[in-house]
Amino acid sequence: AGADGLDLVRRLVSAVRDRGVRTLGLEIGGAEQAAEVQRLLADGGWDTVEVRRDLAGCDRVVVGWA
């Protein structure tokens, strides 16, 4: 998954958006990946992007809506 663990996320973000997917949720490894995944989704054309936390209050999923 590359040095930062996000190589697959980078490919996935552009591939699914080009195929008409309207909602995408990506589990992340925590706060250290949250900001970068949010940026990737926003830069990839997703209109609304937000981070959802798990029950322990840790950043866990980044969701994008087209």
Protein backbone atom coordinates (compact mmCIF):
# COMPACT_ATOMS: atom_id res chain seq x y z
CA ALA A 1 0.00 0.00 0.00
CA GLY A 2 2.99 2.28 -0.32
CA ALA A 3 4.96 4.27 2.20
CA ASP A 4 1.91 5.98 3.72
CA GLY A 5 -0.49 3.05 3.27
CA LEU A 6 -2.70 4.98 0.85
CA ASP A 7 -1.63 3.86 -2.64
CA LEU A 8 -4.68 1.61 -3.02
CA VAL A 9 -6.94 4.38 -1.70
CA ARG A 10 -5.59 6.76 -4.34
CA ARG A 11 -6.40 4.30 -7.14
CA LEU A 12 -9.78 3.40 -5.68
CA VAL A 13 -10.95 7.00 -5.23
CA SER A 14 -10.53 7.84 -8.90
CA ALA A 15 -11.66 4.47 -10.25
CA VAL A 16 -15.01 4.32 -8.46
CA ARG A 17 -15.89 7.97 -9.08
CA ASP A 18 -15.37 7.44 -12.81
CA ARG A 19 -17.82 4.51 -12.68
CA GLY A 20 -20.70 6.50 -11.23
CA VAL A 21 -20.42 5.48 -7.58
CA ARG A 22 -22.24 8.13 -5.51
CA THR A 23 -21.12 7.16 -1.96
CA LEU A 24 -17.77 5.82 -0.82
CA GLY A 25 -16.74 4.85 2.71
CA LEU A 26 -13.11 4.03 3.46
CA GLU A 27 -11.89 2.60 6.75
CA ILE A 28 -8.70 4.31 7.86
CA GLY A 29 -5.97 3.54 10.34
CA GLY A 30 -6.73 6.57 12.49
CA ALA A 31 -6.19 10.29 12.71
CA GLU A 32 -2.83 10.09 10.96
CA GLN A 33 -4.61 9.07 7.72
CA ALA A 34 -7.88 10.99 8.11
CA ALA A 35 -6.75 14.35 6.73
CA GLU A 36 -4.97 12.86 3.73
CA VAL A 37 -7.91 10.60 2.79
CA GLN A 38 -10.29 13.57 3.15
CA ARG A 39 -8.06 15.55 0.79
CA LEU A 40 -7.88 12.68 -1.70
CA LEU A 41 -11.67 12.42 -1.83
CA ALA A 42 -12.17 16.18 -2.12
CA ASP A 43 -9.54 16.46 -4.85
CA GLY A 44 -11.11 13.45 -6.58
CA GLY A 45 -14.40 15.25 -7.10
CA TRP A 46 -16.43 14.06 -4.11
CA ASP A 47 -18.76 16.90 -3.13
CA THR A 48 -19.15 16.19 0.58
CA VAL A 49 -16.49 14.47 2.67
CA GLU A 50 -16.50 13.75 6.40
CA VAL A 51 -14.75 11.61 8.98
CA ARG A 52 -16.79 9.26 11.17
CA ARG A 53 -15.49 8.11 14.54
CA ASP A 54 -15.74 4.70 16.12
CA LEU A 55 -17.20 3.99 19.56
CA ALA A 56 -13.85 4.80 21.19
CA GLY A 57 -13.87 8.25 19.57
CA CYS A 58 -11.07 7.49 17.09
CA ASP A 59 -11.25 8.58 13.46
CA ARG A 60 -12.22 5.37 11.66
CA VAL A 61 -14.05 5.96 8.35
CA VAL A 62 -13.89 8.70 5.75
CA VAL A 63 -17.09 8.99 3.71
CA GLY A 64 -17.53 10.86 0.46
CA TRP A 65 -20.76 11.66 -1.37
CA ALA A 66 -20.99 12.74 -4.99
